PDB file of N, CA and C in Angstrom:
ATOM      1  N   UNK A   1      -4.288 -20.223 -10.705  1.00  0.00           N
ATOM      2  CA  UNK A   1      -4.634 -18.812 -10.820  1.00  0.00           C
ATOM      3  C   UNK A   1      -3.536 -17.975 -10.178  1.00  0.00           C
ATOM      4  N   UNK A   2      -3.140 -16.898 -10.860  1.00  0.00           N
ATOM      5  CA  UNK A   2      -2.137 -15.994 -10.316  1.00  0.00           C
ATOM      6  C   UNK A   2      -2.708 -15.242  -9.130  1.00  0.00           C
ATOM      7  N   UNK A   3      -1.850 -14.987  -8.160  1.00  0.00           N
ATOM      8  CA  UNK A   3      -2.324 -14.215  -7.011  1.00  0.00           C
ATOM      9  C   UNK A   3      -2.279 -12.724  -7.336  1.00  0.00           C
ATOM     10  N   UNK A   4      -2.979 -11.960  -6.537  1.00  0.00           N
ATOM     11  CA  UNK A   4      -3.071 -10.515  -6.746  1.00  0.00           C
ATOM     12  C   UNK A   4      -1.692  -9.872  -6.607  1.00  0.00           C
ATOM     13  N   UNK A   5      -1.413  -8.861  -7.439  1.00  0.00           N
ATOM     14  CA  UNK A   5      -0.124  -8.169  -7.363  1.00  0.00           C
ATOM     15  C   UNK A   5      -0.037  -7.312  -6.105  1.00  0.00           C
ATOM     16  N   UNK A   6      -1.138  -6.684  -5.710  1.00  0.00           N
ATOM     17  CA  UNK A   6      -1.138  -5.794  -4.553  1.00  0.00           C
ATOM     18  C   UNK A   6      -1.904  -6.425  -3.404  1.00  0.00           C
ATOM     19  N   UNK A   7      -1.378  -6.251  -2.181  1.00  0.00           N
ATOM     20  CA  UNK A   7      -2.028  -6.790  -0.994  1.00  0.00           C
ATOM     21  C   UNK A   7      -2.151  -5.669   0.045  1.00  0.00           C
ATOM     22  N   UNK A   8      -3.302  -5.612   0.696  1.00  0.00           N
ATOM     23  CA  UNK A   8      -3.538  -4.626   1.748  1.00  0.00           C
ATOM     24  C   UNK A   8      -2.988  -5.184   3.058  1.00  0.00           C
ATOM     25  N   UNK A   9      -2.069  -4.434   3.688  1.00  0.00           N
ATOM     26  CA  UNK A   9      -1.465  -4.914   4.929  1.00  0.00           C
ATOM     27  C   UNK A   9      -1.948  -4.160   6.160  1.00  0.00           C
ATOM     28  N   UNK A  10      -2.617  -3.014   5.961  1.00  0.00           N
ATOM     29  CA  UNK A  10      -3.106  -2.222   7.092  1.00  0.00           C
ATOM     30  C   UNK A  10      -4.283  -1.387   6.624  1.00  0.00           C
ATOM     31  N   UNK A  11      -5.281  -1.233   7.486  1.00  0.00           N
ATOM     32  CA  UNK A  11      -6.433  -0.394   7.177  1.00  0.00           C
ATOM     33  C   UNK A  11      -6.944   0.239   8.459  1.00  0.00           C
ATOM     34  N   UNK A  12      -7.288   1.541   8.382  1.00  0.00           N
ATOM     35  CA  UNK A  12      -7.811   2.262   9.541  1.00  0.00           C
ATOM     36  C   UNK A  12      -8.863   3.248   9.063  1.00  0.00           C
ATOM     37  N   UNK A  13      -9.968   3.325   9.789  1.00  0.00           N
ATOM     38  CA  UNK A  13     -11.007   4.304   9.505  1.00  0.00           C
ATOM     39  C   UNK A  13     -12.124   3.758   8.641  1.00  0.00           C
ATOM     40  N   UNK A  14     -13.258   4.467   8.700  1.00  0.00           N
ATOM     41  CA  UNK A  14     -14.417   4.086   7.894  1.00  0.00           C
ATOM     42  C   UNK A  14     -14.831   5.224   6.962  1.00  0.00           C
ATOM     43  N   UNK A  15     -14.849   6.453   7.453  1.00  0.00           N
ATOM     44  CA  UNK A  15     -15.194   7.602   6.620  1.00  0.00           C
ATOM     45  C   UNK A  15     -13.934   8.132   5.947  1.00  0.00           C
ATOM     46  N   UNK A  16     -12.905   8.380   6.741  1.00  0.00           N
ATOM     47  CA  UNK A  16     -11.593   8.758   6.230  1.00  0.00           C
ATOM     48  C   UNK A  16     -10.697   7.531   6.376  1.00  0.00           C
ATOM     49  N   UNK A  17     -10.444   6.863   5.266  1.00  0.00           N
ATOM     50  CA  UNK A  17      -9.754   5.573   5.284  1.00  0.00           C
ATOM     51  C   UNK A  17      -8.279   5.743   4.945  1.00  0.00           C
ATOM     52  N   UNK A  18      -7.436   5.058   5.716  1.00  0.00           N
ATOM     53  CA  UNK A  18      -6.004   5.011   5.473  1.00  0.00           C
ATOM     54  C   UNK A  18      -5.611   3.545   5.321  1.00  0.00           C
ATOM     55  N   UNK A  19      -4.924   3.232   4.232  1.00  0.00           N
ATOM     56  CA  UNK A  19      -4.504   1.853   3.985  1.00  0.00           C
ATOM     57  C   UNK A  19      -3.047   1.833   3.551  1.00  0.00           C
ATOM     58  N   UNK A  20      -2.371   0.749   3.890  1.00  0.00           N
ATOM     59  CA  UNK A  20      -1.042   0.499   3.357  1.00  0.00           C
ATOM     60  C   UNK A  20      -1.177  -0.689   2.417  1.00  0.00           C
ATOM     61  N   UNK A  21      -0.697  -0.484   1.200  1.00  0.00           N
ATOM     62  CA  UNK A  21      -0.776  -1.490   0.147  1.00  0.00           C
ATOM     63  C   UNK A  21       0.654  -1.859  -0.246  1.00  0.00           C
ATOM     64  N   UNK A  22       0.940  -3.159  -0.401  1.00  0.00           N
ATOM     65  CA  UNK A  22       2.274  -3.613  -0.791  1.00  0.00           C
ATOM     66  C   UNK A  22       2.212  -4.254  -2.174  1.00  0.00           C
ATOM     67  N   UNK A  23       3.145  -3.841  -3.036  1.00  0.00           N
ATOM     68  CA  UNK A  23       3.296  -4.438  -4.364  1.00  0.00           C
ATOM     69  C   UNK A  23       4.093  -5.728  -4.195  1.00  0.00           C
ATOM     70  N   UNK A  24       3.493  -6.860  -4.478  1.00  0.00           N
ATOM     71  CA  UNK A  24       4.151  -8.154  -4.271  1.00  0.00           C
ATOM     72  C   UNK A  24       5.289  -8.409  -5.250  1.00  0.00           C
ATOM     73  N   UNK A  25       5.362  -7.667  -6.348  1.00  0.00           N
ATOM     74  CA  UNK A  25       6.460  -7.855  -7.302  1.00  0.00           C
ATOM     75  C   UNK A  25       7.693  -7.067  -6.897  1.00  0.00           C
ATOM     76  N   UNK A  26       7.502  -5.845  -6.393  1.00  0.00           N
ATOM     77  CA  UNK A  26       8.641  -4.985  -6.054  1.00  0.00           C
ATOM     78  C   UNK A  26       8.862  -4.846  -4.558  1.00  0.00           C
ATOM     79  N   UNK A  27       7.830  -5.109  -3.755  1.00  0.00           N
ATOM     80  CA  UNK A  27       7.918  -4.936  -2.313  1.00  0.00           C
ATOM     81  C   UNK A  27       7.668  -3.511  -1.850  1.00  0.00           C
ATOM     82  N   UNK A  28       7.471  -2.579  -2.780  1.00  0.00           N
ATOM     83  CA  UNK A  28       7.257  -1.172  -2.435  1.00  0.00           C
ATOM     84  C   UNK A  28       5.915  -1.010  -1.721  1.00  0.00           C
ATOM     85  N   UNK A  29       5.922  -0.185  -0.643  1.00  0.00           N
ATOM     86  CA  UNK A  29       4.721   0.095   0.148  1.00  0.00           C
ATOM     87  C   UNK A  29       4.109   1.420  -0.304  1.00  0.00           C
ATOM     88  N   UNK A  30       2.784   1.446  -0.398  1.00  0.00           N
ATOM     89  CA  UNK A  30       2.051   2.649  -0.795  1.00  0.00           C
ATOM     90  C   UNK A  30       1.050   3.016   0.286  1.00  0.00           C
ATOM     91  N   UNK A  31       0.844   4.310   0.480  1.00  0.00           N
ATOM     92  CA  UNK A  31      -0.163   4.820   1.395  1.00  0.00           C
ATOM     93  C   UNK A  31      -1.343   5.286   0.559  1.00  0.00           C
ATOM     94  N   UNK A  32      -2.524   4.762   0.852  1.00  0.00           N
ATOM     95  CA  UNK A  32      -3.747   5.135   0.152  1.00  0.00           C
ATOM     96  C   UNK A  32      -4.657   5.847   1.145  1.00  0.00           C
ATOM     97  N   UNK A  33      -5.104   7.030   0.788  1.00  0.00           N
ATOM     98  CA  UNK A  33      -6.035   7.802   1.615  1.00  0.00           C
ATOM     99  C   UNK A  33      -7.303   8.034   0.807  1.00  0.00           C
ATOM    100  N   UNK A  34      -8.453   7.807   1.435  1.00  0.00           N
ATOM    101  CA  UNK A  34      -9.713   8.082   0.747  1.00  0.00           C
ATOM    102  C   UNK A  34     -10.734   8.599   1.749  1.00  0.00           C
ATOM    103  N   UNK A  35     -11.682   9.371   1.224  1.00  0.00           N
ATOM    104  CA  UNK A  35     -12.728   9.941   2.059  1.00  0.00           C
ATOM    105  C   UNK A  35     -14.066   9.786   1.361  1.00  0.00           C
ATOM    106  N   UNK A  36     -15.007   9.155   2.051  1.00  0.00           N
ATOM    107  CA  UNK A  36     -16.343   9.020   1.469  1.00  0.00           C
ATOM    108  C   UNK A  36     -17.111  10.342   1.553  1.00  0.00           C
ATOM    109  N   UNK A  37     -16.623  11.281   2.357  1.00  0.00           N
ATOM    110  CA  UNK A  37     -17.277  12.590   2.484  1.00  0.00           C
ATOM    111  C   UNK A  37     -17.055  13.438   1.234  1.00  0.00           C
ATOM    112  N   UNK A  38     -15.879  13.318   0.618  1.00  0.00           N
ATOM    113  CA  UNK A  38     -15.544  14.154  -0.536  1.00  0.00           C
ATOM    114  C   UNK A  38     -15.354  13.348  -1.813  1.00  0.00           C
ATOM    115  N   UNK A  39     -15.489  12.033  -1.728  1.00  0.00           N
ATOM    116  CA  UNK A  39     -15.241  11.144  -2.866  1.00  0.00           C
ATOM    117  C   UNK A  39     -13.823  11.311  -3.407  1.00  0.00           C
ATOM    118  N   UNK A  40     -12.896  11.732  -2.544  1.00  0.00           N
ATOM    119  CA  UNK A  40     -11.510  11.911  -2.951  1.00  0.00           C
ATOM    120  C   UNK A  40     -10.662  10.708  -2.585  1.00  0.00           C
ATOM    121  N   UNK A  41      -9.556  10.558  -3.310  1.00  0.00           N
ATOM    122  CA  UNK A  41      -8.647   9.443  -3.054  1.00  0.00           C
ATOM    123  C   UNK A  41      -7.250   9.851  -3.502  1.00  0.00           C
ATOM    124  N   UNK A  42      -6.239   9.383  -2.786  1.00  0.00           N
ATOM    125  CA  UNK A  42      -4.865   9.653  -3.167  1.00  0.00           C
ATOM    126  C   UNK A  42      -3.968   8.483  -2.817  1.00  0.00           C
ATOM    127  N   UNK A  43      -2.922   8.299  -3.617  1.00  0.00           N
ATOM    128  CA  UNK A  43      -1.962   7.224  -3.390  1.00  0.00           C
ATOM    129  C   UNK A  43      -0.566   7.814  -3.516  1.00  0.00           C
ATOM    130  N   UNK A  44       0.329   7.429  -2.599  1.00  0.00           N
ATOM    131  CA  UNK A  44       1.714   7.871  -2.664  1.00  0.00           C
ATOM    132  C   UNK A  44       2.616   6.774  -2.124  1.00  0.00           C
ATOM    133  N   UNK A  45       3.871   6.812  -2.531  1.00  0.00           N
ATOM    134  CA  UNK A  45       4.850   5.862  -2.012  1.00  0.00           C
ATOM    135  C   UNK A  45       5.097   6.192  -0.547  1.00  0.00           C
ATOM    136  N   UNK A  46       5.134   5.178   0.292  1.00  0.00           N
ATOM    137  CA  UNK A  46       5.419   5.350   1.714  1.00  0.00           C
ATOM    138  C   UNK A  46       6.938   5.397   1.868  1.00  0.00           C
ATOM    139  N   UNK A  47       7.469   6.456   2.501  1.00  0.00           N
ATOM    140  CA  UNK A  47       8.920   6.626   2.627  1.00  0.00           C
ATOM    141  C   UNK A  47       9.357   6.630   4.084  1.00  0.00           C
ATOM    142  N   UNK A  48      10.648   6.331   4.293  1.00  0.00           N
ATOM    143  CA  UNK A  48      11.208   6.355   5.640  1.00  0.00           C
ATOM    144  C   UNK A  48      11.702   7.766   5.968  1.00  0.00           C
ATOM    145  N   UNK A  49      12.383   7.924   7.101  1.00  0.00           N
ATOM    146  CA  UNK A  49      12.849   9.237   7.553  1.00  0.00           C
ATOM    147  C   UNK A  49      13.861   9.864   6.592  1.00  0.00           C
ATOM    148  N   UNK A  50      14.541   9.049   5.784  1.00  0.00           N
ATOM    149  CA  UNK A  50      15.521   9.554   4.823  1.00  0.00           C
ATOM    150  C   UNK A  50      14.913   9.826   3.451  1.00  0.00           C
ATOM    151  N   UNK A  51      13.615   9.597   3.315  1.00  0.00           N
ATOM    152  CA  UNK A  51      12.944   9.827   2.048  1.00  0.00           C
ATOM    153  C   UNK A  51      13.048   8.673   1.069  1.00  0.00           C
ATOM    154  N   UNK A  52      13.535   7.526   1.532  1.00  0.00           N
ATOM    155  CA  UNK A  52      13.657   6.349   0.670  1.00  0.00           C
ATOM    156  C   UNK A  52      12.389   5.503   0.783  1.00  0.00           C
ATOM    157  N   UNK A  53      11.962   4.891  -0.322  1.00  0.00           N
ATOM    158  CA  UNK A  53      10.755   4.055  -0.280  1.00  0.00           C
ATOM    159  C   UNK A  53      10.891   2.912   0.725  1.00  0.00           C
ATOM    160  N   UNK A  54       9.809   2.635   1.437  1.00  0.00           N
ATOM    161  CA  UNK A  54       9.783   1.486   2.342  1.00  0.00           C
ATOM    162  C   UNK A  54       9.482   0.261   1.495  1.00  0.00           C
ATOM    163  N   UNK A  55      10.363  -0.743   1.617  1.00  0.00           N
ATOM    164  CA  UNK A  55      10.243  -1.956   0.813  1.00  0.00           C
ATOM    165  C   UNK A  55      10.105  -3.155   1.734  1.00  0.00           C
ATOM    166  N   UNK A  56       9.062  -3.933   1.519  1.00  0.00           N
ATOM    167  CA  UNK A  56       8.838  -5.177   2.244  1.00  0.00           C
ATOM    168  C   UNK A  56       9.488  -6.296   1.439  1.00  0.00           C
ATOM    169  N   UNK A  57      10.272  -7.179   2.084  1.00  0.00           N
ATOM    170  CA  UNK A  57      10.893  -8.277   1.330  1.00  0.00           C
ATOM    171  C   UNK A  57       9.845  -9.084   0.559  1.00  0.00           C
ATOM    172  N   UNK A  58      10.156  -9.373  -0.697  1.00  0.00           N
ATOM    173  CA  UNK A  58       9.259 -10.129  -1.570  1.00  0.00           C
ATOM    174  C   UNK A  58       9.431 -11.615  -1.277  1.00  0.00           C
ATOM    175  N   UNK A  59       8.325 -12.370  -1.298  1.00  0.00           N
ATOM    176  CA  UNK A  59       8.368 -13.810  -1.044  1.00  0.00           C
ATOM    177  C   UNK A  59       9.342 -14.499  -1.984  1.00  0.00           C
ATOM    178  N   UNK A  60      10.184 -15.376  -1.436  1.00  0.00           N
ATOM    179  CA  UNK A  60      11.142 -16.124  -2.242  1.00  0.00           C
ATOM    180  C   UNK A  60      10.437 -17.118  -3.159  1.00  0.00           C
ATOM    181  N   UNK A  61       9.256 -17.590  -2.757  1.00  0.00           N
ATOM    182  CA  UNK A  61       8.532 -18.597  -3.532  1.00  0.00           C
ATOM    183  C   UNK A  61       7.750 -18.017  -4.694  1.00  0.00           C
ATOM    184  N   UNK A  62       7.726 -16.696  -4.806  1.00  0.00           N
ATOM    185  CA  UNK A  62       6.945 -16.045  -5.856  1.00  0.00           C
ATOM    186  C   UNK A  62       7.554 -16.353  -7.220  1.00  0.00           C
ATOM    187  N   UNK A  63       6.743 -16.682  -8.214  1.00  0.00           N
ATOM    188  CA  UNK A  63       7.266 -16.977  -9.563  1.00  0.00           C
ATOM    189  C   UNK A  63       7.812 -15.739 -10.243  1.00  0.00           C
TER     190      UNK A  63
END
């Protein structure tokens, strides 16, 4: 069975939730914000101080 493309690497909060999600194919990190109070959700690329996407090295063993 293929593994999931996206993996959650960080999570904080219960009502207002903040998560960092990593794309296992590209290594790009995403910030996900959601609120159970407003049923709202948003996703954006996580960037460094220079505005460049934060990339986590992709596993060498990945097919």
